Amino acid sequence: MGDNGEKVSINPKTFKIVDGKLYLFYNKLFTNTLIPWNEDEDNLKGNADDFWKELIR
């Protein structure tokens, strides 16, 4: 999920496992979204989880 809940391409080599959940990140053209994730993980994790809940309804 992107910042606004939109689908984005991911790089399967750029990932993180948090509390047993796999999070995949965009990493292309000088943009690695894992870096800002690590800086604000608590806030961004909550947003990501909320976006996925909406998507799978």
PDB file of N, CA and C in Angstrom:
ATOM      1  N   MET A   1       0.839  -1.169   0.000  1.00  0.00           N
ATOM      2  CA  MET A   1       0.000   0.000   0.000  1.00  0.00           C
ATOM      3  C   MET A   1       0.891   1.242   0.000  1.00  0.00           C
ATOM      4  N   GLY A   2       0.498   2.175  -0.801  1.00  0.00           N
ATOM      5  CA  GLY A   2       1.183   3.457  -0.794  1.00  0.00           C
ATOM      6  C   GLY A   2       0.676   4.318   0.351  1.00  0.00           C
ATOM      7  N   ASP A   3       1.145   5.536   0.408  1.00  0.00           N
ATOM      8  CA  ASP A   3       0.763   6.453   1.491  1.00  0.00           C
ATOM      9  C   ASP A   3      -0.743   6.653   1.606  1.00  0.00           C
ATOM     10  N   ASN A   4      -1.430   6.585   0.486  1.00  0.00           N
ATOM     11  CA  ASN A   4      -2.872   6.839   0.487  1.00  0.00           C
ATOM     12  C   ASN A   4      -3.702   5.579   0.309  1.00  0.00           C
ATOM     13  N   GLY A   5      -3.092   4.429   0.488  1.00  0.00           N
ATOM     14  CA  GLY A   5      -3.806   3.167   0.368  1.00  0.00           C
ATOM     15  C   GLY A   5      -3.857   2.615  -1.037  1.00  0.00           C
ATOM     16  N   GLU A   6      -3.167   3.270  -1.981  1.00  0.00           N
ATOM     17  CA  GLU A   6      -3.161   2.777  -3.350  1.00  0.00           C
ATOM     18  C   GLU A   6      -2.153   1.642  -3.488  1.00  0.00           C
ATOM     19  N   LYS A   7      -2.371   0.779  -4.470  1.00  0.00           N
ATOM     20  CA  LYS A   7      -1.446  -0.320  -4.716  1.00  0.00           C
ATOM     21  C   LYS A   7      -0.209   0.217  -5.433  1.00  0.00           C
ATOM     22  N   VAL A   8       0.962  -0.257  -5.037  1.00  0.00           N
ATOM     23  CA  VAL A   8       2.219   0.132  -5.681  1.00  0.00           C
ATOM     24  C   VAL A   8       3.060  -1.117  -5.920  1.00  0.00           C
ATOM     25  N   SER A   9       3.984  -1.012  -6.849  1.00  0.00           N
ATOM     26  CA  SER A   9       4.914  -2.114  -7.103  1.00  0.00           C
ATOM     27  C   SER A   9       5.869  -2.244  -5.922  1.00  0.00           C
ATOM     28  N   ILE A  10       6.268  -3.454  -5.639  1.00  0.00           N
ATOM     29  CA  ILE A  10       7.196  -3.688  -4.527  1.00  0.00           C
ATOM     30  C   ILE A  10       8.452  -4.375  -5.046  1.00  0.00           C
ATOM     31  N   ASN A  11       9.460  -4.380  -4.216  1.00  0.00           N
ATOM     32  CA  ASN A  11      10.680  -5.131  -4.483  1.00  0.00           C
ATOM     33  C   ASN A  11      10.716  -6.260  -3.463  1.00  0.00           C
ATOM     34  N   PRO A  12      10.608  -7.513  -3.887  1.00  0.00           N
ATOM     35  CA  PRO A  12      10.551  -8.606  -2.918  1.00  0.00           C
ATOM     36  C   PRO A  12      11.820  -8.765  -2.086  1.00  0.00           C
ATOM     37  N   LYS A  13      12.895  -8.104  -2.482  1.00  0.00           N
ATOM     38  CA  LYS A  13      14.124  -8.153  -1.689  1.00  0.00           C
ATOM     39  C   LYS A  13      14.153  -7.081  -0.606  1.00  0.00           C
ATOM     40  N   THR A  14      13.173  -6.180  -0.621  1.00  0.00           N
ATOM     41  CA  THR A  14      13.090  -5.115   0.369  1.00  0.00           C
ATOM     42  C   THR A  14      11.863  -5.394   1.233  1.00  0.00           C
ATOM     43  N   PHE A  15      12.087  -5.989   2.390  1.00  0.00           N
ATOM     44  CA  PHE A  15      10.981  -6.416   3.238  1.00  0.00           C
ATOM     45  C   PHE A  15      11.373  -6.329   4.703  1.00  0.00           C
ATOM     46  N   LYS A  16      10.357  -6.468   5.537  1.00  0.00           N
ATOM     47  CA  LYS A  16      10.574  -6.515   6.981  1.00  0.00           C
ATOM     48  C   LYS A  16       9.442  -7.347   7.570  1.00  0.00           C
ATOM     49  N   ILE A  17       9.760  -8.149   8.568  1.00  0.00           N
ATOM     50  CA  ILE A  17       8.754  -8.925   9.275  1.00  0.00           C
ATOM     51  C   ILE A  17       8.587  -8.300  10.655  1.00  0.00           C
ATOM     52  N   VAL A  18       7.350  -7.899  10.958  1.00  0.00           N
ATOM     53  CA  VAL A  18       7.039  -7.255  12.232  1.00  0.00           C
ATOM     54  C   VAL A  18       5.862  -7.998  12.854  1.00  0.00           C
ATOM     55  N   ASP A  19       6.032  -8.494  14.053  1.00  0.00           N
ATOM     56  CA  ASP A  19       4.972  -9.222  14.755  1.00  0.00           C
ATOM     57  C   ASP A  19       4.378 -10.328  13.893  1.00  0.00           C
ATOM     58  N   GLY A  20       5.232 -11.033  13.154  1.00  0.00           N
ATOM     59  CA  GLY A  20       4.786 -12.149  12.344  1.00  0.00           C
ATOM     60  C   GLY A  20       4.144 -11.770  11.022  1.00  0.00           C
ATOM     61  N   LYS A  21       4.098 -10.459  10.695  1.00  0.00           N
ATOM     62  CA  LYS A  21       3.521 -10.010   9.425  1.00  0.00           C
ATOM     63  C   LYS A  21       4.645  -9.581   8.491  1.00  0.00           C
ATOM     64  N   LEU A  22       4.488  -9.934   7.220  1.00  0.00           N
ATOM     65  CA  LEU A  22       5.452  -9.564   6.193  1.00  0.00           C
ATOM     66  C   LEU A  22       5.049  -8.230   5.571  1.00  0.00           C
ATOM     67  N   TYR A  23       5.954  -7.268   5.600  1.00  0.00           N
ATOM     68  CA  TYR A  23       5.739  -5.966   4.977  1.00  0.00           C
ATOM     69  C   TYR A  23       6.737  -5.831   3.833  1.00  0.00           C
ATOM     70  N   LEU A  24       6.227  -5.545   2.635  1.00  0.00           N
ATOM     71  CA  LEU A  24       7.050  -5.402   1.442  1.00  0.00           C
ATOM     72  C   LEU A  24       7.110  -3.924   1.058  1.00  0.00           C
ATOM     73  N   PHE A  25       8.235  -3.491   0.496  1.00  0.00           N
ATOM     74  CA  PHE A  25       8.452  -2.071   0.260  1.00  0.00           C
ATOM     75  C   PHE A  25       8.857  -1.777  -1.174  1.00  0.00           C
ATOM     76  N   TYR A  26       8.478  -0.600  -1.627  1.00  0.00           N
ATOM     77  CA  TYR A  26       8.894  -0.071  -2.922  1.00  0.00           C
ATOM     78  C   TYR A  26      10.364   0.295  -2.814  1.00  0.00           C
ATOM     79  N   ASN A  27      11.163  -0.117  -3.800  1.00  0.00           N
ATOM     80  CA  ASN A  27      12.590   0.218  -3.800  1.00  0.00           C
ATOM     81  C   ASN A  27      13.039   0.295  -5.254  1.00  0.00           C
ATOM     82  N   LYS A  28      12.962   1.510  -5.815  1.00  0.00           N
ATOM     83  CA  LYS A  28      13.268   1.691  -7.223  1.00  0.00           C
ATOM     84  C   LYS A  28      13.595   3.164  -7.476  1.00  0.00           C
ATOM     85  N   LEU A  29      14.512   3.409  -8.393  1.00  0.00           N
ATOM     86  CA  LEU A  29      14.825   4.776  -8.821  1.00  0.00           C
ATOM     87  C   LEU A  29      15.131   5.711  -7.646  1.00  0.00           C
ATOM     88  N   PHE A  30      16.054   5.336  -6.814  1.00  0.00           N
ATOM     89  CA  PHE A  30      16.512   6.142  -5.679  1.00  0.00           C
ATOM     90  C   PHE A  30      15.470   6.329  -4.582  1.00  0.00           C
ATOM     91  N   THR A  31      14.401   5.533  -4.597  1.00  0.00           N
ATOM     92  CA  THR A  31      13.375   5.618  -3.564  1.00  0.00           C
ATOM     93  C   THR A  31      13.246   4.262  -2.892  1.00  0.00           C
ATOM     94  N   ASN A  32      13.637   4.185  -1.643  1.00  0.00           N
ATOM     95  CA  ASN A  32      13.503   2.969  -0.851  1.00  0.00           C
ATOM     96  C   ASN A  32      12.581   3.296   0.314  1.00  0.00           C
ATOM     97  N   THR A  33      11.344   2.826   0.266  1.00  0.00           N
ATOM     98  CA  THR A  33      10.380   3.198   1.296  1.00  0.00           C
ATOM     99  C   THR A  33      10.600   2.487   2.631  1.00  0.00           C
ATOM    100  N   LEU A  34      11.534   1.548   2.675  1.00  0.00           N
ATOM    101  CA  LEU A  34      11.869   0.924   3.956  1.00  0.00           C
ATOM    102  C   LEU A  34      12.573   1.922   4.880  1.00  0.00           C
ATOM    103  N   ILE A  35      13.298   2.855   4.307  1.00  0.00           N
ATOM    104  CA  ILE A  35      14.028   3.839   5.123  1.00  0.00           C
ATOM    105  C   ILE A  35      13.075   4.719   5.935  1.00  0.00           C
ATOM    106  N   PRO A  36      12.079   5.374   5.315  1.00  0.00           N
ATOM    107  CA  PRO A  36      11.153   6.154   6.148  1.00  0.00           C
ATOM    108  C   PRO A  36      10.305   5.283   7.068  1.00  0.00           C
ATOM    109  N   TRP A  37      10.025   4.039   6.642  1.00  0.00           N
ATOM    110  CA  TRP A  37       9.293   3.105   7.514  1.00  0.00           C
ATOM    111  C   TRP A  37      10.059   2.915   8.821  1.00  0.00           C
ATOM    112  N   ASN A  38      11.341   2.661   8.727  1.00  0.00           N
ATOM    113  CA  ASN A  38      12.145   2.438   9.924  1.00  0.00           C
ATOM    114  C   ASN A  38      12.197   3.674  10.816  1.00  0.00           C
ATOM    115  N   GLU A  39      12.057   4.849  10.243  1.00  0.00           N
ATOM    116  CA  GLU A  39      12.092   6.093  11.020  1.00  0.00           C
ATOM    117  C   GLU A  39      10.785   6.356  11.759  1.00  0.00           C
ATOM    118  N   ASP A  40       9.663   5.811  11.267  1.00  0.00           N
ATOM    119  CA  ASP A  40       8.346   6.079  11.867  1.00  0.00           C
ATOM    120  C   ASP A  40       7.475   4.821  11.825  1.00  0.00           C
ATOM    121  N   GLU A  41       8.064   3.701  12.203  1.00  0.00           N
ATOM    122  CA  GLU A  41       7.386   2.410  12.051  1.00  0.00           C
ATOM    123  C   GLU A  41       6.061   2.323  12.788  1.00  0.00           C
ATOM    124  N   ASP A  42       5.987   2.794  14.008  1.00  0.00           N
ATOM    125  CA  ASP A  42       4.746   2.653  14.776  1.00  0.00           C
ATOM    126  C   ASP A  42       3.575   3.325  14.070  1.00  0.00           C
ATOM    127  N   ASN A  43       3.767   4.535  13.614  1.00  0.00           N
ATOM    128  CA  ASN A  43       2.702   5.269  12.926  1.00  0.00           C
ATOM    129  C   ASN A  43       2.378   4.642  11.571  1.00  0.00           C
ATOM    130  N   LEU A  44       3.393   4.358  10.781  1.00  0.00           N
ATOM    131  CA  LEU A  44       3.179   3.824   9.441  1.00  0.00           C
ATOM    132  C   LEU A  44       2.608   2.405   9.468  1.00  0.00           C
ATOM    133  N   LYS A  45       2.994   1.613  10.447  1.00  0.00           N
ATOM    134  CA  LYS A  45       2.458   0.257  10.579  1.00  0.00           C
ATOM    135  C   LYS A  45       0.952   0.314  10.829  1.00  0.00           C
ATOM    136  N   GLY A  46       0.540   1.208  11.682  1.00  0.00           N
ATOM    137  CA  GLY A  46      -0.895   1.374  11.949  1.00  0.00           C
ATOM    138  C   GLY A  46      -1.655   1.769  10.694  1.00  0.00           C
ATOM    139  N   ASN A  47      -1.094   2.706   9.927  1.00  0.00           N
ATOM    140  CA  ASN A  47      -1.727   3.125   8.679  1.00  0.00           C
ATOM    141  C   ASN A  47      -1.805   1.961   7.697  1.00  0.00           C
ATOM    142  N   ALA A  48      -0.708   1.234   7.549  1.00  0.00           N
ATOM    143  CA  ALA A  48      -0.676   0.106   6.619  1.00  0.00           C
ATOM    144  C   ALA A  48      -1.701  -0.955   7.013  1.00  0.00           C
ATOM    145  N   ASP A  49      -1.772  -1.275   8.280  1.00  0.00           N
ATOM    146  CA  ASP A  49      -2.738  -2.282   8.738  1.00  0.00           C
ATOM    147  C   ASP A  49      -4.169  -1.823   8.466  1.00  0.00           C
ATOM    148  N   ASP A  50      -4.462  -0.540   8.680  1.00  0.00           N
ATOM    149  CA  ASP A  50      -5.800  -0.012   8.411  1.00  0.00           C
ATOM    150  C   ASP A  50      -6.135  -0.081   6.924  1.00  0.00           C
ATOM    151  N   PHE A  51      -5.185   0.272   6.061  1.00  0.00           N
ATOM    152  CA  PHE A  51      -5.421   0.209   4.619  1.00  0.00           C
ATOM    153  C   PHE A  51      -5.723  -1.221   4.184  1.00  0.00           C
ATOM    154  N   TRP A  52      -4.988  -2.192   4.713  1.00  0.00           N
ATOM    155  CA  TRP A  52      -5.226  -3.586   4.328  1.00  0.00           C
ATOM    156  C   TRP A  52      -6.590  -4.071   4.811  1.00  0.00           C
ATOM    157  N   LYS A  53      -7.003  -3.635   5.984  1.00  0.00           N
ATOM    158  CA  LYS A  53      -8.325  -4.030   6.473  1.00  0.00           C
ATOM    159  C   LYS A  53      -9.409  -3.545   5.515  1.00  0.00           C
ATOM    160  N   GLU A  54      -9.260  -2.327   5.008  1.00  0.00           N
ATOM    161  CA  GLU A  54     -10.228  -1.785   4.055  1.00  0.00           C
ATOM    162  C   GLU A  54     -10.190  -2.549   2.733  1.00  0.00           C
ATOM    163  N   LEU A  55      -9.008  -2.921   2.289  1.00  0.00           N
ATOM    164  CA  LEU A  55      -8.845  -3.588   1.003  1.00  0.00           C
ATOM    165  C   LEU A  55      -9.482  -4.978   0.991  1.00  0.00           C
ATOM    166  N   ILE A  56      -9.369  -5.706   2.093  1.00  0.00           N
ATOM    167  CA  ILE A  56      -9.834  -7.088   2.090  1.00  0.00           C
ATOM    168  C   ILE A  56     -11.310  -7.230   2.465  1.00  0.00           C
ATOM    169  N   ARG A  57     -11.995  -6.148   2.692  1.00  0.00           N
ATOM    170  CA  ARG A  57     -13.434  -6.224   3.003  1.00  0.00           C
ATOM    171  C   ARG A  57     -14.237  -6.604   1.812  1.00  0.00           C
TER     172      ARG A  57
END
